[in-house]
C-alpha atoms as a PDB file:
ATOM      1  CA  MET A   1     -11.245  15.133  -1.346  1.00  0.00           C
ATOM      2  CA  CYS A   2     -14.222  14.189   0.804  1.00  0.00           C
ATOM      3  CA  LYS A   3     -14.680  17.821   1.845  1.00  0.00           C
ATOM      4  CA  ASP A   4     -14.487  18.972  -1.791  1.00  0.00           C
ATOM      5  CA  TYR A   5     -17.038  16.322  -2.784  1.00  0.00           C
ATOM      6  CA  ALA A   6     -19.406  17.502  -0.021  1.00  0.00           C
ATOM      7  CA  LEU A   7     -19.027  21.143  -1.078  1.00  0.00           C
ATOM      8  CA  LYS A   8     -19.635  20.421  -4.766  1.00  0.00           C
ATOM      9  CA  ASN A   9     -22.695  18.254  -4.093  1.00  0.00           C
ATOM     10  CA  GLY A  10     -24.348  20.493  -1.508  1.00  0.00           C
ATOM     11  CA  TYR A  11     -23.649  18.433   1.610  1.00  0.00           C
ATOM     12  CA  GLN A  12     -22.891  19.974   4.991  1.00  0.00           C
ATOM     13  CA  ILE A  13     -20.276  18.014   6.952  1.00  0.00           C
ATOM     14  CA  VAL A  14     -21.569  17.342  10.473  1.00  0.00           C
ATOM     15  CA  GLU A  15     -18.939  14.875  11.664  1.00  0.00           C
ATOM     16  CA  THR A  16     -15.605  13.406  10.497  1.00  0.00           C
ATOM     17  CA  PHE A  17     -14.460   9.849  11.220  1.00  0.00           C
ATOM     18  CA  ILE A  18     -10.772   8.955  10.786  1.00  0.00           C
ATOM     19  CA  GLU A  19      -9.508   5.387  11.134  1.00  0.00           C
ATOM     20  CA  GLN A  20      -6.200   5.194  13.009  1.00  0.00           C
ATOM     21  CA  GLY A  21      -4.414   2.188  11.498  1.00  0.00           C
ATOM     22  CA  GLU A  22      -7.326  -0.270  11.822  1.00  0.00           C
ATOM     23  CA  SER A  23      -7.802  -2.647   8.904  1.00  0.00           C
ATOM     24  CA  ALA A  24     -10.905  -2.367   6.719  1.00  0.00           C
ATOM     25  CA  LYS A  25     -11.013  -6.189   6.666  1.00  0.00           C
ATOM     26  CA  SER A  26     -13.161  -6.134   9.813  1.00  0.00           C
ATOM     27  CA  GLN A  27     -16.390  -4.442  10.898  1.00  0.00           C
ATOM     28  CA  ASP A  28     -15.175  -4.229  14.499  1.00  0.00           C
ATOM     29  CA  ARG A  29     -13.332  -0.947  14.040  1.00  0.00           C
ATOM     30  CA  THR A  30     -13.601   1.872  16.540  1.00  0.00           C
ATOM     31  CA  GLU A  31     -14.430   4.661  14.108  1.00  0.00           C
ATOM     32  CA  LEU A  32     -16.729   2.583  11.898  1.00  0.00           C
ATOM     33  CA  GLN A  33     -18.818   1.563  14.902  1.00  0.00           C
ATOM     34  CA  ARG A  34     -18.907   5.195  16.076  1.00  0.00           C
ATOM     35  CA  LEU A  35     -20.050   6.245  12.595  1.00  0.00           C
ATOM     36  CA  LEU A  36     -22.867   3.674  12.606  1.00  0.00           C
ATOM     37  CA  ARG A  37     -24.035   4.809  16.043  1.00  0.00           C
ATOM     38  CA  TYR A  38     -23.917   8.436  14.884  1.00  0.00           C
ATOM     39  CA  CYS A  39     -26.019   7.644  11.806  1.00  0.00           C
ATOM     40  CA  ALA A  40     -28.500   5.668  13.895  1.00  0.00           C
ATOM     41  CA  ASP A  41     -29.283   8.748  15.969  1.00  0.00           C
ATOM     42  CA  ARG A  42     -32.082  10.480  14.038  1.00  0.00           C
ATOM     43  CA  LYS A  43     -31.286  13.785  15.753  1.00  0.00           C
ATOM     44  CA  ASN A  44     -28.082  14.025  13.714  1.00  0.00           C
ATOM     45  CA  LYS A  45     -30.103  14.049  10.454  1.00  0.00           C
ATOM     46  CA  VAL A  46     -27.433  12.273   8.411  1.00  0.00           C
ATOM     47  CA  SER A  47     -28.298  11.772   4.725  1.00  0.00           C
ATOM     48  CA  ALA A  48     -24.975  10.425   3.374  1.00  0.00           C
ATOM     49  CA  VAL A  49     -21.656   8.912   4.359  1.00  0.00           C
ATOM     50  CA  ILE A  50     -18.830  10.125   2.108  1.00  0.00           C
ATOM     51  CA  ALA A  51     -15.680   8.016   1.736  1.00  0.00           C
ATOM     52  CA  TYR A  52     -12.674   8.283  -0.571  1.00  0.00           C
ATOM     53  CA  LYS A  53     -13.350   4.735  -1.842  1.00  0.00           C
ATOM     54  CA  ILE A  54     -15.789   1.956  -1.010  1.00  0.00           C
ATOM     55  CA  ASP A  55     -12.954  -0.183   0.333  1.00  0.00           C
ATOM     56  CA  ARG A  56     -12.447   2.415   3.096  1.00  0.00           C
ATOM     57  CA  ILE A  57     -15.860   1.320   4.410  1.00  0.00           C
ATOM     58  CA  SER A  58     -15.078  -2.381   4.098  1.00  0.00           C
ATOM     59  CA  ARG A  59     -12.916  -4.762   2.061  1.00  0.00           C
ATOM     60  CA  ASN A  60     -15.333  -7.647   2.627  1.00  0.00           C
ATOM     61  CA  THR A  61     -18.438  -7.886   0.407  1.00  0.00           C
ATOM     62  CA  ASP A  62     -20.623  -9.468   3.107  1.00  0.00           C
ATOM     63  CA  ASP A  63     -19.666  -6.803   5.649  1.00  0.00           C
ATOM     64  CA  TYR A  64     -20.171  -4.026   3.107  1.00  0.00           C
ATOM     65  CA  SER A  65     -23.645  -5.324   2.222  1.00  0.00           C
ATOM     66  CA  GLN A  66     -24.624  -5.427   5.904  1.00  0.00           C
ATOM     67  CA  ILE A  67     -23.315  -1.893   6.485  1.00  0.00           C
ATOM     68  CA  ARG A  68     -25.121  -0.598   3.380  1.00  0.00           C
ATOM     69  CA  ILE A  69     -28.423  -2.221   4.429  1.00  0.00           C
ATOM     70  CA  LEU A  70     -28.044  -0.855   7.964  1.00  0.00           C
ATOM     71  CA  LEU A  71     -27.351   2.678   6.729  1.00  0.00           C
ATOM     72  CA  LYS A  72     -30.232   2.458   4.263  1.00  0.00           C
ATOM     73  CA  ARG A  73     -32.517   1.646   7.206  1.00  0.00           C
ATOM     74  CA  TYR A  74     -31.416   4.955   8.716  1.00  0.00           C
ATOM     75  CA  GLY A  75     -32.037   6.767   5.409  1.00  0.00           C
ATOM     76  CA  VAL A  76     -28.291   7.168   4.755  1.00  0.00           C
ATOM     77  CA  GLU A  77     -26.553   6.664   1.390  1.00  0.00           C
ATOM     78  CA  ILE A  78     -22.892   5.751   0.826  1.00  0.00           C
ATOM     79  CA  LYS A  79     -21.018   8.114  -1.502  1.00  0.00           C
ATOM     80  CA  SER A  80     -17.549   7.546  -2.964  1.00  0.00           C
ATOM     81  CA  THR A  81     -15.411  10.448  -4.130  1.00  0.00           C
ATOM     82  CA  SER A  82     -13.392   8.351  -6.601  1.00  0.00           C
ATOM     83  CA  GLU A  83     -16.050   5.882  -7.804  1.00  0.00           C
ATOM     84  CA  TYR A  84     -19.328   6.769  -9.459  1.00  0.00           C
ATOM     85  CA  PHE A  85     -22.589   4.859  -9.024  1.00  0.00           C
ATOM     86  CA  GLU A  86     -26.182   6.106  -8.918  1.00  0.00           C
ATOM     87  CA  ASN A  87     -29.081   4.897  -6.788  1.00  0.00           C
ATOM     88  CA  THR A  88     -30.499   2.915  -9.715  1.00  0.00           C
ATOM     89  CA  PRO A  89     -30.448  -0.811 -10.560  1.00  0.00           C
ATOM     90  CA  ALA A  90     -27.435  -0.252 -12.817  1.00  0.00           C
ATOM     91  CA  GLY A  91     -25.759   1.940 -10.191  1.00  0.00           C
ATOM     92  CA  ARG A  92     -26.271  -0.622  -7.423  1.00  0.00           C
ATOM     93  CA  PHE A  93     -24.930  -3.302  -9.771  1.00  0.00           C
ATOM     94  CA  MET A  94     -21.768  -1.214 -10.285  1.00  0.00           C
ATOM     95  CA  GLU A  95     -21.505  -0.642  -6.527  1.00  0.00           C
ATOM     96  CA  ASN A  96     -21.584  -4.417  -5.943  1.00  0.00           C
ATOM     97  CA  ILE A  97     -18.897  -4.947  -8.600  1.00  0.00           C
ATOM     98  CA  ILE A  98     -16.643  -2.319  -6.965  1.00  0.00           C
ATOM     99  CA  ALA A  99     -17.153  -3.958  -3.532  1.00  0.00           C
ATOM    100  CA  ASN A 100     -16.294  -7.372  -5.022  1.00  0.00           C
ATOM    101  CA  VAL A 101     -13.138  -5.961  -6.638  1.00  0.00           C
ATOM    102  CA  ALA A 102     -12.061  -4.620  -3.218  1.00  0.00           C
ATOM    103  CA  GLN A 103     -12.492  -8.069  -1.647  1.00  0.00           C
ATOM    104  CA  PHE A 104     -10.750  -9.758  -4.584  1.00  0.00           C
ATOM    105  CA  ASP A 105      -7.758  -7.441  -4.172  1.00  0.00           C
ATOM    106  CA  ASN A 106      -7.721  -8.140  -0.432  1.00  0.00           C
ATOM    107  CA  ASP A 107      -7.926 -11.919  -0.980  1.00  0.00           C
ATOM    108  CA  VAL A 108      -5.078 -11.837  -3.528  1.00  0.00           C
ATOM    109  CA  ARG A 109      -2.866  -9.888  -1.101  1.00  0.00           C
ATOM    110  CA  THR A 110      -3.666 -12.357   1.687  1.00  0.00           C
ATOM    111  CA  GLU A 111      -2.899 -15.345  -0.543  1.00  0.00           C
ATOM    112  CA  ARG A 112       0.445 -13.856  -1.568  1.00  0.00           C
ATOM    113  CA  SER A 113       1.304 -13.051   2.042  1.00  0.00           C
ATOM    114  CA  VAL A 114       0.439 -16.572   3.235  1.00  0.00           C
ATOM    115  CA  GLY A 115       2.335 -18.120   0.306  1.00  0.00           C
ATOM    116  CA  GLY A 116       5.412 -16.020   1.048  1.00  0.00           C
ATOM    117  CA  SER A 117       5.264 -16.894   4.751  1.00  0.00           C
ATOM    118  CA  ARG A 118       4.933 -20.605   3.970  1.00  0.00           C
ATOM    119  CA  ASP A 119       7.917 -20.481   1.594  1.00  0.00           C
ATOM    120  CA  ALA A 120       9.989 -18.692   4.248  1.00  0.00           C
ATOM    121  CA  MET A 121       9.045 -21.327   6.818  1.00  0.00           C
ATOM    122  CA  LYS A 122      10.157 -24.112   4.444  1.00  0.00           C
ATOM    123  CA  GLU A 123      13.484 -22.279   4.035  1.00  0.00           C
ATOM    124  CA  GLY A 124      13.929 -22.416   7.815  1.00  0.00           C
ATOM    125  CA  ARG A 125      13.132 -18.742   8.493  1.00  0.00           C
ATOM    126  CA  TYR A 126      10.661 -17.343  11.025  1.00  0.00           C
ATOM    127  CA  VAL A 127       8.934 -14.222   9.643  1.00  0.00           C
ATOM    128  CA  TRP A 128       6.258 -13.581  12.283  1.00  0.00           C
ATOM    129  CA  LEU A 129       6.510 -11.548  15.490  1.00  0.00           C
ATOM    130  CA  ALA A 130       9.439 -13.022  17.423  1.00  0.00           C
ATOM    131  CA  PRO A 131       8.465 -14.983  20.567  1.00  0.00           C
ATOM    132  CA  LEU A 132       9.948 -14.462  24.017  1.00  0.00           C
ATOM    133  CA  GLY A 133      13.734 -14.868  23.907  1.00  0.00           C
ATOM    134  CA  TYR A 134      14.100 -13.876  20.242  1.00  0.00           C
ATOM    135  CA  ASP A 135      14.258 -10.668  18.170  1.00  0.00           C
ATOM    136  CA  ASN A 136      13.186 -10.141  14.565  1.00  0.00           C
ATOM    137  CA  ILE A 137      16.249  -9.504  12.386  1.00  0.00           C
ATOM    138  CA  LYS A 138      17.285  -9.643   8.728  1.00  0.00           C
ATOM    139  CA  VAL A 139      20.053 -11.824   7.333  1.00  0.00           C
ATOM    140  CA  ASN A 140      21.098 -11.080   3.750  1.00  0.00           C
ATOM    141  CA  GLY A 141      17.957  -8.994   3.372  1.00  0.00           C
ATOM    142  CA  LYS A 142      15.628 -11.791   4.515  1.00  0.00           C
ATOM    143  CA  SER A 143      13.610 -11.809   7.738  1.00  0.00           C
ATOM    144  CA  THR A 144      14.240 -14.323  10.490  1.00  0.00           C
ATOM    145  CA  ILE A 145      14.905 -14.346  14.262  1.00  0.00           C
ATOM    146  CA  ALA A 146      17.898 -14.429  16.609  1.00  0.00           C
ATOM    147  CA  GLN A 147      18.281 -14.929  20.347  1.00  0.00           C
ATOM    148  CA  ASN A 148      18.276 -11.868  22.603  1.00  0.00           C
ATOM    149  CA  ALA A 149      19.115 -11.095  26.244  1.00  0.00           C
ATOM    150  CA  ILE A 150      16.003 -12.920  27.511  1.00  0.00           C
ATOM    151  CA  ALA A 151      17.032 -16.226  25.886  1.00  0.00           C
ATOM    152  CA  PRO A 152      19.173 -17.376  28.869  1.00  0.00           C
ATOM    153  CA  PHE A 153      16.168 -16.890  31.184  1.00  0.00           C
ATOM    154  CA  VAL A 154      13.988 -18.952  28.829  1.00  0.00           C
ATOM    155  CA  LYS A 155      16.644 -21.679  28.770  1.00  0.00           C
ATOM    156  CA  GLU A 156      16.964 -21.706  32.555  1.00  0.00           C
ATOM    157  CA  THR A 157      13.159 -21.878  32.932  1.00  0.00           C
ATOM    158  CA  LEU A 158      12.882 -24.911  30.671  1.00  0.00           C
ATOM    159  CA  LYS A 159      15.759 -26.635  32.465  1.00  0.00           C
ATOM    160  CA  TRP A 160      14.065 -26.008  35.823  1.00  0.00           C
ATOM    161  CA  LEU A 161      10.909 -27.667  34.551  1.00  0.00           C
ATOM    162  CA  ARG A 162      12.834 -30.551  32.999  1.00  0.00           C
ATOM    163  CA  ARG A 163      14.180 -31.427  36.480  1.00  0.00           C
ATOM    164  CA  ASN A 164      10.581 -31.465  37.763  1.00  0.00           C
ATOM    165  CA  ILE A 165      11.600 -30.587  41.330  1.00  0.00           C
ATOM    166  CA  CYS A 166       9.073 -27.866  42.182  1.00  0.00           C
ATOM    167  CA  PRO A 167       5.603 -26.635  41.070  1.00  0.00           C
ATOM    168  CA  ILE A 168       5.303 -24.731  37.794  1.00  0.00           C
ATOM    169  CA  VAL A 169       3.880 -21.673  39.569  1.00  0.00           C
ATOM    170  CA  LYS A 170       6.931 -21.644  41.850  1.00  0.00           C
ATOM    171  CA  VAL A 171       9.253 -21.800  38.821  1.00  0.00           C
ATOM    172  CA  ARG A 172       7.400 -18.846  37.290  1.00  0.00           C
ATOM    173  CA  ASP A 173       7.804 -16.799  40.483  1.00  0.00           C
ATOM    174  CA  ILE A 174      11.526 -17.629  40.685  1.00  0.00           C
ATOM    175  CA  MET A 175      12.174 -16.726  37.043  1.00  0.00           C
ATOM    176  CA  ASN A 176      10.108 -13.547  37.274  1.00  0.00           C
ATOM    177  CA  GLN A 177      12.284 -12.456  40.191  1.00  0.00           C
ATOM    178  CA  ARG A 178      15.424 -13.236  38.173  1.00  0.00           C
ATOM    179  CA  GLY A 179      14.305 -11.064  35.260  1.00  0.00           C
ATOM    180  CA  LEU A 180      12.073 -13.123  32.956  1.00  0.00           C
ATOM    181  CA  LYS A 181       9.787 -10.499  31.407  1.00  0.00           C
ATOM    182  CA  ASN A 182       7.728 -10.115  28.252  1.00  0.00           C
ATOM    183  CA  LYS A 183       8.505  -7.648  25.451  1.00  0.00           C
ATOM    184  CA  LYS A 184       6.646  -4.906  27.320  1.00  0.00           C
ATOM    185  CA  GLY A 185       8.934  -5.337  30.325  1.00  0.00           C
ATOM    186  CA  LYS A 186       6.229  -6.915  32.479  1.00  0.00           C
ATOM    187  CA  TYR A 187       6.261 -10.177  34.423  1.00  0.00           C
ATOM    188  CA  LEU A 188       4.616 -13.108  32.690  1.00  0.00           C
ATOM    189  CA  SER A 189       1.048 -13.915  33.661  1.00  0.00           C
ATOM    190  CA  LYS A 190       0.145 -17.540  34.310  1.00  0.00           C
ATOM    191  CA  SER A 191      -1.451 -17.954  30.856  1.00  0.00           C
ATOM    192  CA  GLN A 192       1.552 -16.371  29.087  1.00  0.00           C
ATOM    193  CA  PHE A 193       3.924 -18.596  31.049  1.00  0.00           C
ATOM    194  CA  PHE A 194       2.120 -21.837  30.182  1.00  0.00           C
ATOM    195  CA  ARG A 195       1.781 -20.780  26.533  1.00  0.00           C
ATOM    196  CA  PHE A 196       5.504 -20.135  26.102  1.00  0.00           C
ATOM    197  CA  LEU A 197       6.425 -23.478  27.749  1.00  0.00           C
ATOM    198  CA  LYS A 198       4.638 -25.331  24.932  1.00  0.00           C
ATOM    199  CA  ASN A 199       6.143 -23.353  22.034  1.00  0.00           C
ATOM    200  CA  GLU A 200       8.193 -25.719  19.858  1.00  0.00           C
ATOM    201  CA  ILE A 201      10.193 -22.811  18.476  1.00  0.00           C
ATOM    202  CA  TYR A 202      12.524 -23.138  21.494  1.00  0.00           C
ATOM    203  CA  ALA A 203      13.577 -26.552  20.176  1.00  0.00           C
ATOM    204  CA  GLY A 204      14.061 -25.116  16.677  1.00  0.00           C
ATOM    205  CA  TRP A 205      10.708 -25.960  15.071  1.00  0.00           C
ATOM    206  CA  THR A 206       8.272 -23.630  13.294  1.00  0.00           C
ATOM    207  CA  VAL A 207       4.663 -24.837  13.416  1.00  0.00           C
ATOM    208  CA  LYS A 208       2.264 -22.880  11.162  1.00  0.00           C
ATOM    209  CA  PHE A 209      -0.515 -23.611   8.641  1.00  0.00           C
ATOM    210  CA  GLY A 210      -0.785 -27.171   9.969  1.00  0.00           C
ATOM    211  CA  GLU A 211       2.854 -27.820   8.979  1.00  0.00           C
ATOM    212  CA  ARG A 212       6.023 -28.341  11.030  1.00  0.00           C
ATOM    213  CA  HIS A 213       9.469 -27.369   9.679  1.00  0.00           C
ATOM    214  CA  LYS A 214      12.949 -27.259  11.204  1.00  0.00           C
ATOM    215  CA  GLY A 215      14.253 -23.710  11.487  1.00  0.00           C
ATOM    216  CA  LEU A 216      17.733 -22.477  10.629  1.00  0.00           C
ATOM    217  CA  TYR A 217      17.679 -20.126  13.650  1.00  0.00           C
ATOM    218  CA  GLU A 218      19.494 -21.285  16.788  1.00  0.00           C
ATOM    219  CA  PRO A 219      17.244 -23.230  19.204  1.00  0.00           C
ATOM    220  CA  ILE A 220      17.350 -22.209  22.864  1.00  0.00           C
ATOM    221  CA  VAL A 221      17.187 -25.782  24.194  1.00  0.00           C
ATOM    222  CA  SER A 222      17.765 -29.241  22.761  1.00  0.00           C
ATOM    223  CA  GLN A 223      14.930 -31.417  21.502  1.00  0.00           C
ATOM    224  CA  GLU A 224      15.544 -33.799  24.421  1.00  0.00           C
ATOM    225  CA  THR A 225      15.104 -31.012  26.990  1.00  0.00           C
ATOM    226  CA  PHE A 226      11.945 -29.725  25.314  1.00  0.00           C
ATOM    227  CA  ASP A 227      10.447 -33.232  25.185  1.00  0.00           C
ATOM    228  CA  GLN A 228      11.225 -33.755  28.880  1.00  0.00           C
ATOM    229  CA  VAL A 229       9.458 -30.477  29.697  1.00  0.00           C
ATOM    230  CA  GLY A 230       6.450 -31.630  27.664  1.00  0.00           C
ATOM    231  CA  ARG A 231       6.291 -34.921  29.571  1.00  0.00           C
ATOM    232  CA  ALA A 232       6.567 -33.094  32.903  1.00  0.00           C
ATOM    233  CA  LEU A 233       3.698 -30.756  31.931  1.00  0.00           C
ATOM    234  CA  ALA A 234       1.571 -33.706  30.782  1.00  0.00           C
ATOM    235  CA  ARG A 235       2.063 -35.517  34.113  1.00  0.00           C
ATOM    236  CA  ARG A 236       1.116 -32.441  36.098  1.00  0.00           C
ATOM    237  CA  SER A 237      -1.965 -31.741  33.981  1.00  0.00           C
ATOM    238  CA  HIS A 238      -3.551 -34.967  35.234  1.00  0.00           C
ATOM    239  CA  LYS A 239      -3.319 -33.889  38.858  1.00  0.00           C
ATOM    240  CA  THR A 240      -6.485 -32.602  40.542  1.00  0.00           C
ATOM    241  CA  LEU A 241      -6.098 -28.923  41.300  1.00  0.00           C
ATOM    242  CA  GLN A 242      -7.456 -27.635  44.575  1.00  0.00           C
ATOM    243  CA  TYR A 243      -9.404 -24.382  44.474  1.00  0.00           C
ATOM    244  CA  VAL A 244      -7.475 -21.683  46.320  1.00  0.00           C
ATOM    245  CA  LYS A 245      -9.715 -18.925  47.619  1.00  0.00           C
ATOM    246  CA  GLU A 246      -6.822 -16.661  48.619  1.00  0.00           C
ATOM    247  CA  ASN A 247      -5.024 -16.830  45.276  1.00  0.00           C
ATOM    248  CA  PRO A 248      -2.026 -14.475  44.826  1.00  0.00           C
ATOM    249  CA  ASP A 249      -2.941 -14.105  41.125  1.00  0.00           C
ATOM    250  CA  PHE A 250      -6.252 -12.479  42.130  1.00  0.00           C
ATOM    251  CA  PRO A 251      -5.434 -10.161  45.057  1.00  0.00           C
ATOM    252  CA  LEU A 252      -8.610  -8.031  44.616  1.00  0.00           C
ATOM    253  CA  ARG A 253     -11.058 -10.944  44.790  1.00  0.00           C
ATOM    254  CA  ARG A 254     -14.229 -10.032  46.753  1.00  0.00           C
ATOM    255  CA  LEU A 255     -13.030  -6.418  47.146  1.00  0.00           C
END
């Protein structure tokens, strides 16, 4: 449709930009940024950017206004194949209305999504990407999570830390050797390891939107064990850490 529009209106297509699954909610998209750089280069002599709809450029009115002003500085107009507006006061007014409708639609979708997620959380279901030790599943057609083959490693890790008999880094090394890996099959980095130790989901709690609800999914450890791990982490966080120049986490330092 964009090619047909260009042909009918006497435009020669000099470059095509195709978004690969990146949301129009953000300006920081690979192809959009490439398009803006291309238009900024005066040698390319771009006079218009043709899109199927305005919301393919952006679904945020502030972002769209910034992009439009930037392109105008380069002498480039935005053309829509399915929406009509001229470069007149009335046409620009219509363009603003269309951009606002795109954001309104996006905001409504977001509100419905958040509302649905909050309702699911209150029902005891977890509908986000499953954390380490769980898989996303459906029960009676509704999304939730269930333990997977990594769950025993998560449980053993938390029990190791509850006993508080060796450093956290040592526990991570031991569990990595035993098979504790992330969903990509890689060993946990230090930041990933510390983040998962503090996730209340392992005691059966979902914490989202500033709320905390008990889940119906099976917890990996008891509340008592999780609380003991939290106390052990809190005690260790007060210790002064010594800077280690030859740190195994950074083997290429100074090289």
